[in-house]
C-alpha cells in the first residue's frame, strides 16, 4: 500500500512529482524547482502540437540534461491515431529507445500495441485520454502492458482509493492545471468550430471563448446568456488544484502527482512545481502519528497564498469530493486577473547576478526572488548595468544585464525566477 514502517506507525511513501516541459527552458525550470520527473512531446504524436515541443536533437539533449540531475523523462505519444499517423511510428519509437527515455505516455490501443512490439523494454504509462474510471478498466490496461495509469480526472478520492486496493500497477493523477470541459480531455468542440482536432494535439481551446445568444431573425444582435454585456464563458472551468488534498492522496497510495501546463509560462511551471515540491517535503517531515488521520493534516497558510499567485482561472477540487457545479466555472472572463508577474530569470550567479528581463523593470522596483522551497526573498532594485558597464534605469523584456539589489542576491541560483506584485491602484478621493 505504498507505505513504510515507522517506529510509531505507517507513513505513506512520497509520490513522484511530475512536471510539464513544453520547451527546454521549461524543463530546466521544472528541474530547478524540484520536479522528480518531466513529461514532454516531440514534433509528432503529441496532444500539445502548439507547445513548442522537441526536435530529435533537442529531445536527446533534454534527456541528457534531466538524467544528469537524477530526473526522469516521459514522452507523450498520446494522440488518438488515424491510419496515416502510424506510418512513422515504429521509427519514432526506436529513436526514443535510443535516447533512453524513461517511459511513453500513450492513449491509443494501437500505439500501445506497437510500442510493446517494437520497444518492449520501454515503460508504458497510460494517458488520462484512455478514460480509466474503474478498477476493471485499470486491470485491463495493466494486463495489456501498461505499468502506470493516469486515472481519469472525473474520479473522486473514494474511487481512486478503491482502484488502488484492487490493482497493483502505479497510479498517477493530475493534481494541478487547466481542465477541459469534455470528458477526460476527449473533446470535439474545436473540430467543429475551427477545424482543429483536439484529439490530434491541435486544440483551439474554444471552451475559453466568450459566448452570447442570437436569434435567427435578428442577425447581428447578441443577447447575453447571463446579465453581462460581455457574454458569458459558459464552458470555462476553473483550474484544478489539489494542493491541500495531498495528504489524502498520499494515504490513498497515489504514486505520481502530475501538473498540467506544457503551454504555460516558465513562471507558472516553476511557481507551481516549487510549491508542490515544498508541500511534499513538508509532509515528508511529519511524524508518523500525524498520518493516523490524513484528512486532518493541514498545510501552513503560506502554501495557499503562494499557489494563488500562480493561478490563471481560480481553483477547484473538481471531482475529488463530488461532481463539480456552477461554482467551479468562470462565467465572466476567460481567466482571472493576474496580480503577480515574472520580471527576470537568473542566467549567471553572483552578488550582482546576470539576469534576463521578462517584463519591464525599473530601478527602485520592489521584487521577490522565488527560492526553491516555499519562501521568497524580498528585494529592492538598486542598479542595473549592461555587460559594457552602462547604467540603465529601465530594462525591457529580453534585455540581459547585471542586477544589483538590496539586500544583495548572493543566494540567487541560475534559472531562478524573480517576480513582482502589481502596485495597488490608488484610492479615489471622496
Protein backbone atom coordinates (compact mmCIF):
# COMPACT_ATOMS: atom_id res chain seq x y z
CA UNK A 1 0.00 0.00 0.00
CA UNK A 2 2.89 2.39 -0.71
CA UNK A 3 3.71 2.83 2.94
CA UNK A 4 6.83 2.45 5.01
CA UNK A 5 7.17 1.25 8.57
CA UNK A 6 7.98 3.73 11.29
CA UNK A 7 8.54 3.13 14.95
CA UNK A 8 5.19 4.80 15.56
CA UNK A 9 3.10 3.56 12.66
CA UNK A 10 2.74 3.60 8.89
CA UNK A 11 3.87 6.59 6.82
CA UNK A 12 2.88 6.95 3.14
CA UNK A 13 5.75 6.89 0.68
CA UNK A 14 6.43 10.18 -1.04
CA UNK A 15 4.93 10.20 -4.57
CA UNK A 16 6.79 11.37 -7.66
CA UNK A 17 6.28 15.00 -8.66
CA UNK A 18 5.78 15.07 -12.45
CA UNK A 19 6.06 18.42 -14.23
CA UNK A 20 5.31 19.71 -17.74
CA UNK A 21 8.16 20.59 -20.10
CA UNK A 22 6.76 22.22 -23.22
CA UNK A 23 10.19 23.63 -24.09
CA UNK A 24 13.77 23.11 -22.97
CA UNK A 25 13.61 26.24 -20.80
CA UNK A 26 10.51 24.94 -19.05
CA UNK A 27 12.24 21.61 -18.47
CA UNK A 28 15.22 23.39 -16.90
CA UNK A 29 12.87 25.49 -14.74
CA UNK A 30 10.86 22.48 -13.55
CA UNK A 31 14.05 20.64 -12.58
CA UNK A 32 15.45 23.73 -10.85
CA UNK A 33 12.37 23.94 -8.64
CA UNK A 34 12.27 20.29 -7.66
CA UNK A 35 10.49 18.06 -10.18
CA UNK A 36 11.27 14.33 -9.89
CA UNK A 37 10.25 13.74 -13.50
CA UNK A 38 9.13 15.73 -16.53
CA UNK A 39 6.93 14.93 -19.49
CA UNK A 40 7.40 16.38 -22.96
CA UNK A 41 6.39 15.83 -26.56
CA UNK A 42 8.15 15.52 -29.87
CA UNK A 43 7.08 17.07 -33.14
CA UNK A 44 4.73 14.13 -33.79
CA UNK A 45 2.13 12.12 -31.87
CA UNK A 46 1.70 14.67 -29.05
CA UNK A 47 -1.53 16.25 -27.79
CA UNK A 48 0.09 19.67 -27.44
CA UNK A 49 1.02 20.50 -31.01
CA UNK A 50 1.37 24.21 -30.13
CA UNK A 51 3.58 23.68 -27.07
CA UNK A 52 6.90 24.24 -28.83
CA UNK A 53 7.85 20.60 -28.44
CA UNK A 54 11.19 19.00 -29.17
CA UNK A 55 13.11 18.03 -32.27
CA UNK A 56 15.02 14.75 -32.06
CA UNK A 57 18.24 16.59 -31.25
CA UNK A 58 16.61 18.80 -28.63
CA UNK A 59 14.89 15.83 -27.01
CA UNK A 60 18.15 13.92 -26.74
CA UNK A 61 19.71 16.99 -25.11
CA UNK A 62 16.74 17.27 -22.73
CA UNK A 63 17.01 13.62 -21.70
CA UNK A 64 20.73 14.00 -21.09
CA UNK A 65 20.22 17.18 -19.04
CA UNK A 66 17.49 15.60 -16.90
CA UNK A 67 19.29 12.30 -16.32
CA UNK A 68 22.45 14.12 -15.24
CA UNK A 69 20.33 15.63 -12.44
CA UNK A 70 18.53 12.44 -11.47
CA UNK A 71 15.25 13.41 -13.16
CA UNK A 72 13.20 11.04 -15.35
CA UNK A 73 11.75 11.94 -18.75
CA UNK A 74 8.46 10.62 -20.12
CA UNK A 75 7.47 11.28 -23.73
CA UNK A 76 3.89 11.86 -24.82
CA UNK A 77 2.64 9.75 -27.73
CA UNK A 78 -0.93 10.36 -26.72
CA UNK A 79 -2.87 11.32 -29.86
CA UNK A 80 -5.85 9.22 -30.93
CA UNK A 81 -4.23 7.95 -34.10
CA UNK A 82 -5.61 7.66 -37.63
CA UNK A 83 -4.11 5.27 -40.16
CA UNK A 84 -1.73 7.86 -41.61
CA UNK A 85 -0.33 8.57 -38.16
CA UNK A 86 1.11 5.07 -37.91
CA UNK A 87 3.44 5.44 -40.88
CA UNK A 88 6.47 6.76 -38.99
CA UNK A 89 5.56 5.42 -35.56
CA UNK A 90 7.98 2.48 -35.36
CA UNK A 91 10.97 4.61 -36.35
CA UNK A 92 9.99 7.23 -33.78
CA UNK A 93 9.67 4.62 -31.04
CA UNK A 94 13.12 3.24 -31.83
CA UNK A 95 14.61 6.73 -31.68
CA UNK A 96 13.12 7.23 -28.20
CA UNK A 97 14.57 3.93 -27.09
CA UNK A 98 17.99 5.04 -28.33
CA UNK A 99 17.66 8.24 -26.27
CA UNK A 100 16.93 6.12 -23.18
CA UNK A 101 13.72 7.91 -22.26
CA UNK A 102 12.12 6.57 -19.09
CA UNK A 103 8.59 5.98 -20.32
CA UNK A 104 5.99 6.55 -23.03
CA UNK A 105 2.62 8.20 -22.32
CA UNK A 106 0.09 6.50 -24.60
CA UNK A 107 -3.71 6.68 -25.03
CA UNK A 108 -4.37 4.79 -28.28
CA UNK A 109 -4.55 0.96 -28.08
CA UNK A 110 -2.90 0.64 -31.50
CA UNK A 111 0.05 2.78 -30.47
CA UNK A 112 0.32 0.81 -27.24
CA UNK A 113 0.45 -2.45 -29.20
CA UNK A 114 3.17 -1.14 -31.50
CA UNK A 115 5.20 0.10 -28.53
CA UNK A 116 5.01 -3.29 -26.84
CA UNK A 117 6.13 -4.94 -30.07
CA UNK A 118 8.83 -2.51 -31.21
CA UNK A 119 10.30 -1.27 -27.91
CA UNK A 120 9.11 -3.76 -25.29
CA UNK A 121 11.66 -2.59 -22.71
CA UNK A 122 10.26 0.96 -22.54
CA UNK A 123 7.72 1.54 -19.78
CA UNK A 124 4.21 2.38 -20.93
CA UNK A 125 2.20 4.96 -18.98
CA UNK A 126 -1.48 5.14 -19.90
CA UNK A 127 -2.69 8.67 -20.66
CA UNK A 128 -5.73 10.18 -19.00
CA UNK A 129 -7.23 10.24 -22.53
CA UNK A 130 -7.85 6.49 -22.14
CA UNK A 131 -10.54 7.32 -19.55
CA UNK A 132 -9.76 4.84 -16.75
CA UNK A 133 -12.66 5.32 -14.35
CA UNK A 134 -12.90 1.93 -12.62
CA UNK A 135 -10.72 -0.90 -11.32
CA UNK A 136 -11.81 -3.35 -14.03
CA UNK A 137 -10.58 -0.95 -16.74
CA UNK A 138 -7.41 -0.42 -14.71
CA UNK A 139 -6.81 -4.17 -14.55
CA UNK A 140 -7.41 -4.47 -18.30
CA UNK A 141 -4.82 -1.85 -19.24
CA UNK A 142 -2.28 -3.29 -16.83
CA UNK A 143 -2.82 -6.68 -18.44
CA UNK A 144 -2.07 -5.07 -21.82
CA UNK A 145 1.37 -3.98 -20.73
CA UNK A 146 0.87 -0.56 -19.10
CA UNK A 147 2.87 -0.17 -15.88
CA UNK A 148 1.30 3.15 -14.85
CA UNK A 149 -2.21 4.53 -15.25
CA UNK A 150 -3.06 8.21 -15.30
CA UNK A 151 -6.58 7.96 -13.96
CA UNK A 152 -9.48 9.94 -15.40
CA UNK A 153 -9.93 13.38 -13.87
CA UNK A 154 -13.58 12.60 -13.19
CA UNK A 155 -12.80 10.36 -10.18
CA UNK A 156 -13.42 11.02 -6.52
CA UNK A 157 -10.91 10.33 -3.78
CA UNK A 158 -13.01 7.31 -2.73
CA UNK A 159 -12.91 5.90 -6.27
CA UNK A 160 -9.14 6.42 -6.52
CA UNK A 161 -8.70 4.61 -3.20
CA UNK A 162 -10.83 1.69 -4.36
CA UNK A 163 -8.87 1.33 -7.59
CA UNK A 164 -5.66 1.34 -5.52
CA UNK A 165 -6.99 -1.51 -3.41
CA UNK A 166 -7.90 -3.60 -6.45
CA UNK A 167 -4.83 -3.26 -8.73
CA UNK A 168 -1.08 -3.35 -8.26
CA UNK A 169 0.21 -1.05 -11.01
CA UNK A 170 1.35 2.52 -10.49
CA UNK A 171 -1.37 5.17 -10.27
CA UNK A 172 -0.88 8.76 -11.43
CA UNK A 173 -3.33 11.63 -11.14
CA UNK A 174 -3.44 15.23 -12.25
CA UNK A 175 -3.26 17.50 -9.22
CA UNK A 176 -2.97 20.92 -10.82
CA UNK A 177 -3.71 22.78 -14.03
CA UNK A 178 -6.29 23.51 -16.70
CA UNK A 179 -9.40 21.37 -17.03
CA UNK A 180 -11.24 20.53 -20.25
CA UNK A 181 -15.00 20.85 -20.22
CA UNK A 182 -15.01 17.50 -22.03
CA UNK A 183 -14.74 14.03 -20.53
CA UNK A 184 -11.08 13.31 -19.73
CA UNK A 185 -9.99 15.66 -22.49
CA UNK A 186 -11.86 13.96 -25.34
CA UNK A 187 -13.43 16.98 -26.99
CA UNK A 188 -14.81 17.66 -30.48
CA UNK A 189 -15.75 21.32 -30.00
CA UNK A 190 -12.51 22.56 -31.55
CA UNK A 191 -13.04 20.33 -34.59
CA UNK A 192 -16.48 21.72 -35.33
CA UNK A 193 -15.69 25.37 -34.65
CA UNK A 194 -12.20 25.75 -36.11
CA UNK A 195 -11.34 22.52 -37.94
CA UNK A 196 -8.53 21.88 -35.45
CA UNK A 197 -8.62 18.38 -33.95
CA UNK A 198 -8.10 18.38 -30.18
CA UNK A 199 -7.52 14.64 -30.18
CA UNK A 200 -4.64 15.12 -32.62
CA UNK A 201 -2.97 17.74 -30.44
CA UNK A 202 -4.28 20.87 -32.18
CA UNK A 203 -6.98 22.21 -29.85
CA UNK A 204 -8.03 25.84 -30.37
CA UNK A 205 -9.48 26.00 -26.81
CA UNK A 206 -12.97 27.20 -27.77
CA UNK A 207 -14.06 26.41 -24.20
CA UNK A 208 -12.32 29.66 -23.25
CA UNK A 209 -14.25 31.78 -25.79
CA UNK A 210 -16.93 34.27 -24.84
CA UNK A 211 -20.44 33.24 -25.94
CA UNK A 212 -23.74 35.06 -26.36
CA UNK A 213 -27.22 34.13 -27.61
CA UNK A 214 -28.52 35.10 -31.08
CA UNK A 215 -31.95 34.85 -32.66
CA UNK A 216 -32.11 33.95 -36.37
CA UNK A 217 -34.40 36.87 -37.35
CA UNK A 218 -32.17 39.40 -35.59
CA UNK A 219 -28.74 38.90 -37.16
CA UNK A 220 -26.02 40.93 -35.53
CA UNK A 221 -27.87 41.26 -32.23
CA UNK A 222 -26.24 39.43 -29.31
CA UNK A 223 -28.07 38.63 -26.12
CA UNK A 224 -26.05 37.70 -23.04
CA UNK A 225 -26.79 34.28 -21.58
CA UNK A 226 -26.46 35.99 -18.21
CA UNK A 227 -26.83 39.65 -17.34
CA UNK A 228 -23.41 40.60 -18.63
CA UNK A 229 -22.71 42.78 -21.67
CA UNK A 230 -19.59 40.75 -22.49
CA UNK A 231 -21.48 37.50 -22.99
CA UNK A 232 -20.62 34.52 -20.84
CA UNK A 233 -17.84 31.95 -20.81
CA UNK A 234 -20.22 29.01 -20.45
CA UNK A 235 -17.60 26.25 -20.90
CA UNK A 236 -14.77 27.85 -18.93
CA UNK A 237 -13.75 25.73 -15.94
CA UNK A 238 -11.58 26.92 -13.10
CA UNK A 239 -8.17 25.27 -12.83
CA UNK A 240 -7.66 22.09 -10.86
CA UNK A 241 -5.80 22.44 -7.56
CA UNK A 242 -5.45 19.51 -5.16
CA UNK A 243 -2.61 21.01 -3.14
CA UNK A 244 -4.49 20.82 0.15
CA UNK A 245 -5.62 17.26 -0.58
CA UNK A 246 -2.09 15.87 -0.91
CA UNK A 247 -2.15 14.07 2.47
CA UNK A 248 -5.26 12.12 1.48
CA UNK A 249 -3.89 11.32 -1.97
CA UNK A 250 -0.64 10.09 -0.45
CA UNK A 251 -2.56 7.97 2.05
CA UNK A 252 -4.65 6.56 -0.82
CA UNK A 253 -1.47 5.23 -2.43
CA UNK A 254 -1.07 7.51 -5.46
CA UNK A 255 2.40 7.01 -6.98
CA UNK A 256 2.74 10.13 -9.14
CA UNK A 257 1.31 13.64 -8.97
CA UNK A 258 1.07 15.30 -12.36
CA UNK A 259 0.97 19.03 -13.10
CA UNK A 260 -0.66 20.21 -16.34
CA UNK A 261 0.91 23.06 -18.29
CA UNK A 262 3.15 22.32 -21.26
CA UNK A 263 1.83 25.50 -22.89
CA UNK A 264 2.13 27.65 -19.76
CA UNK A 265 4.97 30.06 -18.96
CA UNK A 266 8.14 29.25 -17.05
CA UNK A 267 6.75 31.42 -14.24
CA UNK A 268 3.74 29.14 -13.98
CA UNK A 269 5.74 25.92 -14.29
CA UNK A 270 8.42 27.00 -11.85
CA UNK A 271 5.95 28.51 -9.41
CA UNK A 272 3.63 25.52 -9.25
CA UNK A 273 6.41 22.92 -9.13
CA UNK A 274 8.12 24.89 -6.38
CA UNK A 275 5.00 24.93 -4.20
CA UNK A 276 4.12 21.26 -4.66
CA UNK A 277 7.75 20.27 -4.01
CA UNK A 278 7.75 22.28 -0.79
CA UNK A 279 4.40 20.76 0.22
CA UNK A 280 5.66 17.20 -0.32
CA UNK A 281 8.83 17.96 1.64
CA UNK A 282 6.72 19.41 4.45
CA UNK A 283 4.55 16.29 4.55
CA UNK A 284 7.63 14.05 4.48
CA UNK A 285 8.80 15.69 7.69
CA UNK A 286 5.63 14.99 9.66
CA UNK A 287 5.72 12.45 12.49
CA UNK A 288 4.13 9.06 11.89
CA UNK A 289 1.28 9.71 14.30
CA UNK A 290 0.07 12.58 12.09
CA UNK A 291 -0.81 10.04 9.40
CA UNK A 292 -3.41 8.28 11.54
CA UNK A 293 -5.92 10.86 10.22
CA UNK A 294 -4.61 12.15 6.86
CA UNK A 295 -7.71 14.26 6.24
CA UNK A 296 -6.87 16.39 9.29
CA UNK A 297 -3.36 17.28 8.09
CA UNK A 298 -3.26 20.94 7.05
CA UNK A 299 -0.57 22.78 5.14
CA UNK A 300 0.53 26.16 6.53
CA UNK A 301 -1.36 29.15 5.11
CA UNK A 302 1.68 30.29 3.11
CA UNK A 303 1.09 27.41 0.67
CA UNK A 304 -2.41 28.69 -0.17
CA UNK A 305 -1.12 32.23 -0.51
CA UNK A 306 1.67 31.18 -2.87
CA UNK A 307 -0.46 28.97 -5.11
CA UNK A 308 -2.94 31.82 -5.53
CA UNK A 309 -0.15 33.85 -7.15
CA UNK A 310 0.36 31.30 -9.93
CA UNK A 311 -3.23 30.54 -10.96
CA UNK A 312 -4.89 31.64 -14.15
CA UNK A 313 -8.59 30.91 -13.59
CA UNK A 314 -9.10 30.40 -9.88
CA UNK A 315 -9.10 26.88 -8.45
CA UNK A 316 -11.39 23.91 -7.96
CA UNK A 317 -11.14 20.45 -6.37
CA UNK A 318 -13.02 19.17 -9.44
CA UNK A 319 -14.49 15.71 -8.73
CA UNK A 320 -12.40 14.82 -5.69
CA UNK A 321 -15.38 15.00 -3.29
CA UNK A 322 -18.38 15.23 -5.61
CA UNK A 323 -19.23 16.24 -9.18
CA UNK A 324 -18.46 19.94 -9.68
CA UNK A 325 -21.20 22.51 -10.07
CA UNK A 326 -21.54 26.05 -11.37
CA UNK A 327 -19.24 27.40 -8.66
CA UNK A 328 -16.38 25.60 -10.41
CA UNK A 329 -16.83 27.68 -13.58
CA UNK A 330 -15.78 31.20 -14.58
CA UNK A 331 -18.66 32.83 -16.44
CA UNK A 332 -17.44 36.42 -16.69
CA UNK A 333 -13.97 36.15 -18.27
CA UNK A 334 -11.56 33.68 -19.87
CA UNK A 335 -9.16 33.91 -16.92
CA UNK A 336 -8.70 35.53 -13.54
CA UNK A 337 -6.81 38.79 -13.14
CA UNK A 338 -3.13 38.08 -12.56
CA UNK A 339 -1.51 40.36 -9.96
CA UNK A 340 1.96 38.76 -9.79
CA UNK A 341 4.26 38.65 -12.81
CA UNK A 342 7.74 37.35 -13.60
CA UNK A 343 10.28 40.13 -14.15
CA UNK A 344 13.54 38.24 -14.72
CA UNK A 345 15.35 34.91 -14.82
CA UNK A 346 18.84 34.47 -13.39
CA UNK A 347 21.34 33.47 -16.08
CA UNK A 348 24.57 33.62 -14.02
CA UNK A 349 25.11 33.78 -10.27
CA UNK A 350 26.89 36.41 -8.18
CA UNK A 351 26.33 39.29 -5.78
CA UNK A 352 25.01 41.16 -8.83
CA UNK A 353 23.70 38.27 -10.92
CA UNK A 354 23.31 38.36 -14.69
CA UNK A 355 19.57 38.27 -15.43
CA UNK A 356 17.26 38.26 -18.44
CA UNK A 357 14.23 40.53 -18.17
CA UNK A 358 10.78 39.05 -18.83
CA UNK A 359 8.82 42.20 -18.05
CA UNK A 360 9.75 45.86 -17.75
CA UNK A 361 11.91 46.60 -14.70
CA UNK A 362 12.93 49.94 -13.17
CA UNK A 363 15.41 50.90 -10.51
CA UNK A 364 13.53 51.21 -7.25
CA UNK A 365 11.15 48.32 -8.05
CA UNK A 366 10.17 46.03 -5.20
CA UNK A 367 10.65 42.45 -6.40
CA UNK A 368 10.91 38.95 -4.92
CA UNK A 369 13.23 36.04 -5.59
CA UNK A 370 11.46 32.66 -5.68
CA UNK A 371 13.70 30.41 -3.66
CA UNK A 372 13.50 26.63 -4.05
CA UNK A 373 11.11 25.84 -1.22
CA UNK A 374 8.15 27.92 -0.13
CA UNK A 375 9.99 31.07 0.97
CA UNK A 376 10.65 34.19 -1.12
CA UNK A 377 13.31 36.85 -0.67
CA UNK A 378 12.11 40.47 -0.78
CA UNK A 379 14.43 42.76 -2.75
CA UNK A 380 14.70 46.32 -3.99
CA UNK A 381 16.29 47.01 -7.38
CA UNK A 382 19.22 49.34 -6.67
CA UNK A 383 21.03 49.34 -10.01
CA UNK A 384 21.11 47.70 -13.44
CA UNK A 385 24.07 47.76 -15.81
CA UNK A 386 24.86 46.19 -19.17
CA UNK A 387 27.86 43.95 -19.77
CA UNK A 388 29.62 47.07 -21.14
CA UNK A 389 29.17 48.71 -17.76
CA UNK A 390 26.44 51.15 -18.86
CA UNK A 391 24.00 52.05 -16.08
CA UNK A 392 20.33 51.77 -17.07
CA UNK A 393 17.19 52.73 -15.16
CA UNK A 394 14.77 50.69 -17.24
CA UNK A 395 15.08 47.16 -18.62
CA UNK A 396 12.76 45.81 -21.31
CA UNK A 397 11.77 42.18 -21.93
CA UNK A 398 14.70 40.28 -23.42
CA UNK A 399 17.37 42.64 -22.06
CA UNK A 400 20.28 40.90 -20.32
CA UNK A 401 22.04 42.86 -17.59
CA UNK A 402 23.69 42.71 -14.17
CA UNK A 403 21.22 43.31 -11.34
CA UNK A 404 22.15 44.85 -8.00
CA UNK A 405 19.59 44.62 -5.22
CA UNK A 406 19.20 45.46 -1.55
CA UNK A 407 19.89 43.07 0.06
CA UNK A 408 22.38 41.55 -2.38
CA UNK A 409 21.11 38.50 -4.24
CA UNK A 410 24.10 36.37 -3.25
CA UNK A 411 21.90 33.30 -2.75
CA UNK A 412 20.33 33.58 -6.19
CA UNK A 413 20.78 30.47 -8.31
CA UNK A 414 20.97 30.07 -12.07
CA UNK A 415 17.49 29.53 -13.58
CA UNK A 416 15.80 31.05 -10.51
CA UNK A 417 12.87 33.41 -11.14
CA UNK A 418 12.29 36.95 -9.92
CA UNK A 419 8.72 38.24 -9.66
CA UNK A 420 6.87 41.48 -8.92
CA UNK A 421 3.46 42.12 -7.46
CA UNK A 422 1.23 44.76 -9.02
CA UNK A 423 1.12 48.01 -7.16
CA UNK A 424 -2.27 48.66 -5.50
CA UNK A 425 -4.44 51.02 -7.51
CA UNK A 426 -4.66 54.50 -5.97
CA UNK A 427 -7.80 55.11 -3.92
CA UNK A 428 -10.22 57.69 -5.25
CA UNK A 429 -10.64 60.81 -3.12
CA UNK A 430 -14.04 61.21 -1.56
